[in-house]
């Protein structure tokens, strides 16, 4: 697991870095391969933006979130990435199950049994 954090237009605090690293590290449990993550945290006036890119094998996930609190932005953006990963794995498993069912039907049709 490799995580890079970039701060733009704000001070880089160790607490913020540790919080973002901890949160993005929990995403690894949803992935099958080791991940590389890049987190960009920026502040512009009162708007705090958190942007996350996650690469795991050939899979790529990206999310952005803005709010008035940086910690809330990080929480929301992690929720978005987790949702993307769950949806992707749900589609992949549905495709796999559909292929298995189709092959079972093909075998049943060839043998003439029901």
N, C-alpha and C. Protein backbone atom coordinates (compact mmCIF):
# COMPACT_ATOMS: atom_id res chain seq x y z
N UNK A 1 0.85 -1.16 0.00
CA UNK A 1 0.00 0.00 0.00
C UNK A 1 0.90 1.23 0.00
N UNK A 2 0.70 2.06 -0.99
CA UNK A 2 1.49 3.27 -1.15
C UNK A 2 0.54 4.45 -1.20
N UNK A 3 0.66 5.38 -0.26
CA UNK A 3 -0.25 6.52 -0.19
C UNK A 3 0.56 7.81 -0.19
N UNK A 4 0.25 8.70 -1.12
CA UNK A 4 0.89 10.01 -1.20
C UNK A 4 -0.16 11.08 -0.88
N UNK A 5 0.23 12.05 -0.09
CA UNK A 5 -0.69 13.12 0.28
C UNK A 5 -0.09 14.46 -0.12
N UNK A 6 -0.88 15.27 -0.81
CA UNK A 6 -0.45 16.58 -1.26
C UNK A 6 -1.33 17.64 -0.62
N UNK A 7 -0.72 18.67 -0.07
CA UNK A 7 -1.44 19.79 0.52
C UNK A 7 -1.29 20.99 -0.40
N UNK A 8 -2.40 21.64 -0.70
CA UNK A 8 -2.37 22.85 -1.55
C UNK A 8 -3.05 23.99 -0.81
N UNK A 9 -2.39 25.11 -0.77
CA UNK A 9 -2.90 26.33 -0.16
C UNK A 9 -3.33 26.15 1.29
N UNK A 10 -2.63 25.26 1.99
CA UNK A 10 -2.90 25.07 3.42
C UNK A 10 -1.66 24.48 4.08
N UNK A 11 -1.61 24.59 5.39
CA UNK A 11 -0.48 24.05 6.14
C UNK A 11 -0.61 22.53 6.25
N UNK A 12 0.50 21.86 6.08
CA UNK A 12 0.53 20.40 6.20
C UNK A 12 0.70 20.03 7.66
N UNK A 13 -0.36 19.57 8.29
CA UNK A 13 -0.27 19.17 9.69
C UNK A 13 -0.16 17.65 9.77
N UNK A 14 0.53 17.20 10.78
CA UNK A 14 0.71 15.75 10.97
C UNK A 14 -0.62 15.08 11.30
N UNK A 15 -1.48 15.77 12.03
CA UNK A 15 -2.79 15.20 12.38
C UNK A 15 -3.63 14.97 11.12
N UNK A 16 -3.62 15.93 10.21
CA UNK A 16 -4.39 15.80 8.97
C UNK A 16 -3.81 14.68 8.10
N UNK A 17 -2.50 14.62 8.04
CA UNK A 17 -1.83 13.58 7.26
C UNK A 17 -2.16 12.19 7.82
N UNK A 18 -2.11 12.04 9.13
CA UNK A 18 -2.40 10.75 9.76
C UNK A 18 -3.86 10.36 9.56
N UNK A 19 -4.77 11.33 9.66
CA UNK A 19 -6.20 11.06 9.49
C UNK A 19 -6.49 10.58 8.07
N UNK A 20 -5.95 11.28 7.09
CA UNK A 20 -6.18 10.91 5.68
C UNK A 20 -5.54 9.55 5.38
N UNK A 21 -4.35 9.30 5.87
CA UNK A 21 -3.67 8.02 5.64
C UNK A 21 -4.45 6.87 6.26
N UNK A 22 -4.95 7.07 7.47
CA UNK A 22 -5.74 6.03 8.14
C UNK A 22 -7.02 5.73 7.37
N UNK A 23 -7.73 6.77 6.95
CA UNK A 23 -8.99 6.57 6.24
C UNK A 23 -8.79 5.89 4.88
N UNK A 24 -7.83 6.34 4.11
CA UNK A 24 -7.60 5.74 2.78
C UNK A 24 -7.04 4.33 2.92
N UNK A 25 -6.32 4.06 3.99
CA UNK A 25 -5.78 2.72 4.22
C UNK A 25 -6.87 1.69 4.45
N UNK A 26 -8.01 2.10 4.99
CA UNK A 26 -9.12 1.18 5.23
C UNK A 26 -9.78 0.73 3.93
N UNK A 27 -9.57 1.45 2.84
CA UNK A 27 -10.14 1.08 1.55
C UNK A 27 -9.48 -0.20 1.02
N UNK A 28 -8.26 -0.49 1.46
CA UNK A 28 -7.52 -1.65 0.97
C UNK A 28 -8.29 -2.95 1.21
N UNK A 29 -9.08 -3.04 2.27
CA UNK A 29 -9.79 -4.28 2.56
C UNK A 29 -10.83 -4.63 1.50
N UNK A 30 -11.26 -3.64 0.69
CA UNK A 30 -12.23 -3.89 -0.37
C UNK A 30 -11.57 -4.31 -1.68
N UNK A 31 -10.26 -4.15 -1.76
CA UNK A 31 -9.55 -4.39 -3.02
C UNK A 31 -8.83 -5.73 -3.00
N UNK A 32 -8.70 -6.34 -4.16
CA UNK A 32 -8.06 -7.65 -4.26
C UNK A 32 -6.55 -7.55 -4.42
N UNK A 33 -6.07 -6.44 -4.97
CA UNK A 33 -4.64 -6.25 -5.20
C UNK A 33 -4.14 -5.06 -4.39
N UNK A 34 -2.84 -4.98 -4.15
CA UNK A 34 -2.30 -3.82 -3.41
C UNK A 34 -2.65 -2.52 -4.13
N UNK A 35 -2.87 -1.51 -3.36
CA UNK A 35 -3.30 -0.24 -3.94
C UNK A 35 -2.24 0.84 -3.86
N UNK A 36 -2.38 1.80 -4.75
CA UNK A 36 -1.61 3.04 -4.72
C UNK A 36 -2.64 4.15 -4.61
N UNK A 37 -2.48 5.01 -3.64
CA UNK A 37 -3.44 6.08 -3.44
C UNK A 37 -2.77 7.44 -3.47
N UNK A 38 -3.49 8.41 -4.00
CA UNK A 38 -3.01 9.78 -3.99
C UNK A 38 -4.14 10.66 -3.47
N UNK A 39 -3.87 11.38 -2.39
CA UNK A 39 -4.85 12.25 -1.77
C UNK A 39 -4.37 13.69 -1.92
N UNK A 40 -5.24 14.55 -2.42
CA UNK A 40 -4.93 15.97 -2.54
C UNK A 40 -5.89 16.74 -1.66
N UNK A 41 -5.35 17.48 -0.72
CA UNK A 41 -6.16 18.28 0.20
C UNK A 41 -5.87 19.75 -0.08
N UNK A 42 -6.92 20.53 -0.31
CA UNK A 42 -6.71 21.95 -0.60
C UNK A 42 -7.77 22.79 0.09
N UNK A 43 -7.42 24.04 0.32
CA UNK A 43 -8.34 24.98 0.95
C UNK A 43 -8.35 26.27 0.15
N UNK A 44 -9.56 26.74 -0.12
CA UNK A 44 -9.71 28.00 -0.83
C UNK A 44 -10.79 28.79 -0.11
N UNK A 45 -10.39 29.83 0.56
CA UNK A 45 -11.26 30.59 1.46
C UNK A 45 -11.84 29.65 2.50
N UNK A 46 -13.16 29.42 2.50
CA UNK A 46 -13.76 28.54 3.51
C UNK A 46 -14.12 27.17 2.95
N UNK A 47 -13.79 26.92 1.70
CA UNK A 47 -14.12 25.65 1.07
C UNK A 47 -12.91 24.73 1.13
N UNK A 48 -13.08 23.57 1.74
CA UNK A 48 -12.02 22.57 1.86
C UNK A 48 -12.34 21.43 0.89
N UNK A 49 -11.37 21.08 0.07
CA UNK A 49 -11.57 20.06 -0.96
C UNK A 49 -10.65 18.88 -0.70
N UNK A 50 -11.22 17.69 -0.79
CA UNK A 50 -10.45 16.45 -0.69
C UNK A 50 -10.67 15.69 -2.00
N UNK A 51 -9.57 15.29 -2.61
CA UNK A 51 -9.62 14.55 -3.88
C UNK A 51 -8.79 13.28 -3.71
N UNK A 52 -9.36 12.15 -4.12
CA UNK A 52 -8.70 10.86 -3.93
C UNK A 52 -8.64 10.11 -5.25
N UNK A 53 -7.46 9.57 -5.56
CA UNK A 53 -7.25 8.65 -6.68
C UNK A 53 -6.72 7.36 -6.11
N UNK A 54 -7.36 6.25 -6.47
CA UNK A 54 -6.93 4.94 -5.99
C UNK A 54 -6.71 4.04 -7.21
N UNK A 55 -5.54 3.43 -7.28
CA UNK A 55 -5.21 2.47 -8.33
C UNK A 55 -4.94 1.12 -7.67
N UNK A 56 -5.58 0.09 -8.19
CA UNK A 56 -5.37 -1.26 -7.69
C UNK A 56 -5.40 -2.20 -8.89
N UNK A 57 -4.22 -2.60 -9.32
CA UNK A 57 -4.15 -3.43 -10.53
C UNK A 57 -4.62 -2.61 -11.72
N UNK A 58 -5.62 -3.11 -12.44
CA UNK A 58 -6.15 -2.37 -13.59
C UNK A 58 -7.34 -1.51 -13.20
N UNK A 59 -7.75 -1.53 -11.94
CA UNK A 59 -8.89 -0.75 -11.48
C UNK A 59 -8.44 0.64 -11.05
N UNK A 60 -9.30 1.63 -11.34
CA UNK A 60 -9.00 3.02 -10.99
C UNK A 60 -10.27 3.66 -10.45
N UNK A 61 -10.15 4.32 -9.31
CA UNK A 61 -11.29 4.99 -8.68
C UNK A 61 -10.89 6.42 -8.35
N UNK A 62 -11.82 7.36 -8.55
CA UNK A 62 -11.55 8.77 -8.32
C UNK A 62 -12.78 9.41 -7.70
N UNK A 63 -12.57 10.29 -6.72
CA UNK A 63 -13.68 11.01 -6.11
C UNK A 63 -13.18 12.35 -5.59
N UNK A 64 -14.09 13.33 -5.56
CA UNK A 64 -13.80 14.66 -5.06
C UNK A 64 -14.96 15.10 -4.17
N UNK A 65 -14.63 15.80 -3.10
CA UNK A 65 -15.67 16.29 -2.20
C UNK A 65 -15.25 17.63 -1.63
N UNK A 66 -16.23 18.55 -1.50
CA UNK A 66 -15.99 19.88 -0.94
C UNK A 66 -16.93 20.11 0.22
N UNK A 67 -16.42 20.75 1.26
CA UNK A 67 -17.25 21.15 2.40
C UNK A 67 -16.51 22.24 3.17
N UNK A 68 -17.09 22.66 4.27
CA UNK A 68 -16.46 23.70 5.08
C UNK A 68 -15.48 23.14 6.11
N UNK A 69 -15.45 21.81 6.27
CA UNK A 69 -14.57 21.17 7.23
C UNK A 69 -13.74 20.11 6.50
N UNK A 70 -12.44 20.14 6.66
CA UNK A 70 -11.57 19.20 5.95
C UNK A 70 -11.80 17.76 6.38
N UNK A 71 -12.02 17.54 7.65
CA UNK A 71 -12.26 16.18 8.13
C UNK A 71 -13.55 15.62 7.52
N UNK A 72 -14.57 16.45 7.42
CA UNK A 72 -15.83 16.02 6.80
C UNK A 72 -15.62 15.72 5.32
N UNK A 73 -14.81 16.53 4.65
CA UNK A 73 -14.52 16.30 3.23
C UNK A 73 -13.83 14.96 3.03
N UNK A 74 -12.87 14.65 3.90
CA UNK A 74 -12.15 13.38 3.81
C UNK A 74 -13.11 12.21 4.03
N UNK A 75 -13.96 12.31 5.05
CA UNK A 75 -14.92 11.24 5.32
C UNK A 75 -15.85 11.01 4.13
N UNK A 76 -16.37 12.08 3.57
CA UNK A 76 -17.31 11.95 2.45
C UNK A 76 -16.64 11.39 1.20
N UNK A 77 -15.41 11.82 0.92
CA UNK A 77 -14.73 11.33 -0.28
C UNK A 77 -14.37 9.85 -0.13
N UNK A 78 -14.03 9.41 1.07
CA UNK A 78 -13.75 7.99 1.30
C UNK A 78 -15.03 7.18 1.12
N UNK A 79 -16.17 7.71 1.58
CA UNK A 79 -17.45 7.02 1.37
C UNK A 79 -17.74 6.86 -0.12
N UNK A 80 -17.44 7.89 -0.91
CA UNK A 80 -17.66 7.81 -2.35
C UNK A 80 -16.79 6.74 -3.00
N UNK A 81 -15.53 6.69 -2.62
CA UNK A 81 -14.62 5.69 -3.19
C UNK A 81 -15.05 4.28 -2.79
N UNK A 82 -15.43 4.10 -1.53
CA UNK A 82 -15.90 2.78 -1.09
C UNK A 82 -17.15 2.36 -1.87
N UNK A 83 -18.06 3.30 -2.13
CA UNK A 83 -19.26 2.99 -2.89
C UNK A 83 -18.90 2.57 -4.32
N UNK A 84 -17.95 3.28 -4.93
CA UNK A 84 -17.52 2.93 -6.28
C UNK A 84 -16.93 1.51 -6.31
N UNK A 85 -16.12 1.18 -5.32
CA UNK A 85 -15.49 -0.14 -5.28
C UNK A 85 -16.55 -1.22 -5.10
N UNK A 86 -17.49 -1.00 -4.18
CA UNK A 86 -18.55 -1.99 -3.95
C UNK A 86 -19.39 -2.19 -5.20
N UNK A 87 -19.74 -1.10 -5.89
CA UNK A 87 -20.53 -1.21 -7.12
C UNK A 87 -19.75 -1.96 -8.18
N UNK A 88 -18.47 -1.67 -8.30
CA UNK A 88 -17.66 -2.34 -9.32
C UNK A 88 -17.57 -3.83 -9.03
N UNK A 89 -17.35 -4.21 -7.78
CA UNK A 89 -17.27 -5.63 -7.43
C UNK A 89 -18.63 -6.31 -7.57
N UNK A 90 -19.71 -5.58 -7.32
CA UNK A 90 -21.04 -6.13 -7.50
C UNK A 90 -21.32 -6.43 -8.96
N UNK A 91 -20.92 -5.53 -9.85
CA UNK A 91 -21.10 -5.74 -11.29
C UNK A 91 -20.23 -6.89 -11.76
N UNK A 92 -18.99 -6.95 -11.28
CA UNK A 92 -18.08 -8.02 -11.70
C UNK A 92 -18.59 -9.38 -11.24
N UNK A 93 -19.08 -9.47 -10.02
CA UNK A 93 -19.57 -10.76 -9.54
C UNK A 93 -20.87 -11.14 -10.24
N UNK A 94 -21.70 -10.14 -10.56
CA UNK A 94 -22.94 -10.43 -11.29
C UNK A 94 -22.62 -10.96 -12.68
N UNK A 95 -21.60 -10.39 -13.33
CA UNK A 95 -21.20 -10.87 -14.65
C UNK A 95 -20.70 -12.31 -14.54
N UNK A 96 -19.91 -12.58 -13.52
CA UNK A 96 -19.37 -13.92 -13.34
C UNK A 96 -20.49 -14.92 -13.08
N UNK A 97 -21.44 -14.56 -12.21
CA UNK A 97 -22.56 -15.45 -11.92
C UNK A 97 -23.42 -15.64 -13.16
N UNK A 98 -23.60 -14.58 -13.94
CA UNK A 98 -24.38 -14.70 -15.18
C UNK A 98 -23.71 -15.63 -16.16
N UNK A 99 -22.40 -15.58 -16.26
CA UNK A 99 -21.66 -16.47 -17.16
C UNK A 99 -21.76 -17.91 -16.68
N UNK A 100 -21.72 -18.12 -15.37
CA UNK A 100 -21.85 -19.47 -14.83
C UNK A 100 -23.23 -20.03 -15.11
N UNK A 101 -24.26 -19.21 -14.95
CA UNK A 101 -25.63 -19.66 -15.22
C UNK A 101 -25.82 -19.97 -16.69
N UNK A 102 -25.23 -19.15 -17.55
CA UNK A 102 -25.35 -19.39 -18.99
C UNK A 102 -24.67 -20.70 -19.37
N UNK A 103 -23.51 -20.99 -18.79
CA UNK A 103 -22.83 -22.24 -19.11
C UNK A 103 -23.62 -23.44 -18.57
N UNK A 104 -24.27 -23.28 -17.42
CA UNK A 104 -25.10 -24.36 -16.89
C UNK A 104 -26.29 -24.62 -17.81
N UNK A 105 -26.91 -23.55 -18.32
CA UNK A 105 -28.03 -23.72 -19.24
C UNK A 105 -27.58 -24.39 -20.53
N UNK A 106 -26.39 -24.03 -20.99
CA UNK A 106 -25.86 -24.62 -22.22
C UNK A 106 -25.62 -26.11 -22.04
N UNK A 107 -25.06 -26.49 -20.92
CA UNK A 107 -24.83 -27.90 -20.64
C UNK A 107 -26.15 -28.65 -20.53
N UNK A 108 -27.14 -28.05 -19.86
CA UNK A 108 -28.46 -28.67 -19.71
C UNK A 108 -29.13 -28.84 -21.07
N UNK A 109 -29.01 -27.81 -21.94
CA UNK A 109 -29.61 -27.88 -23.27
C UNK A 109 -28.96 -28.96 -24.12
N UNK A 110 -27.66 -29.13 -24.01
CA UNK A 110 -26.96 -30.14 -24.80
C UNK A 110 -27.32 -31.56 -24.37
N UNK A 111 -27.52 -31.77 -23.10
CA UNK A 111 -27.83 -33.12 -22.62
C UNK A 111 -29.31 -33.42 -22.73
N UNK A 112 -30.14 -32.38 -22.85
CA UNK A 112 -31.56 -32.57 -22.99
C UNK A 112 -32.26 -32.81 -21.67
N UNK A 113 -31.55 -32.70 -20.57
CA UNK A 113 -32.13 -32.89 -19.25
C UNK A 113 -32.63 -31.57 -18.71
N UNK A 114 -33.59 -31.65 -17.83
CA UNK A 114 -34.09 -30.43 -17.19
C UNK A 114 -34.06 -30.54 -15.71
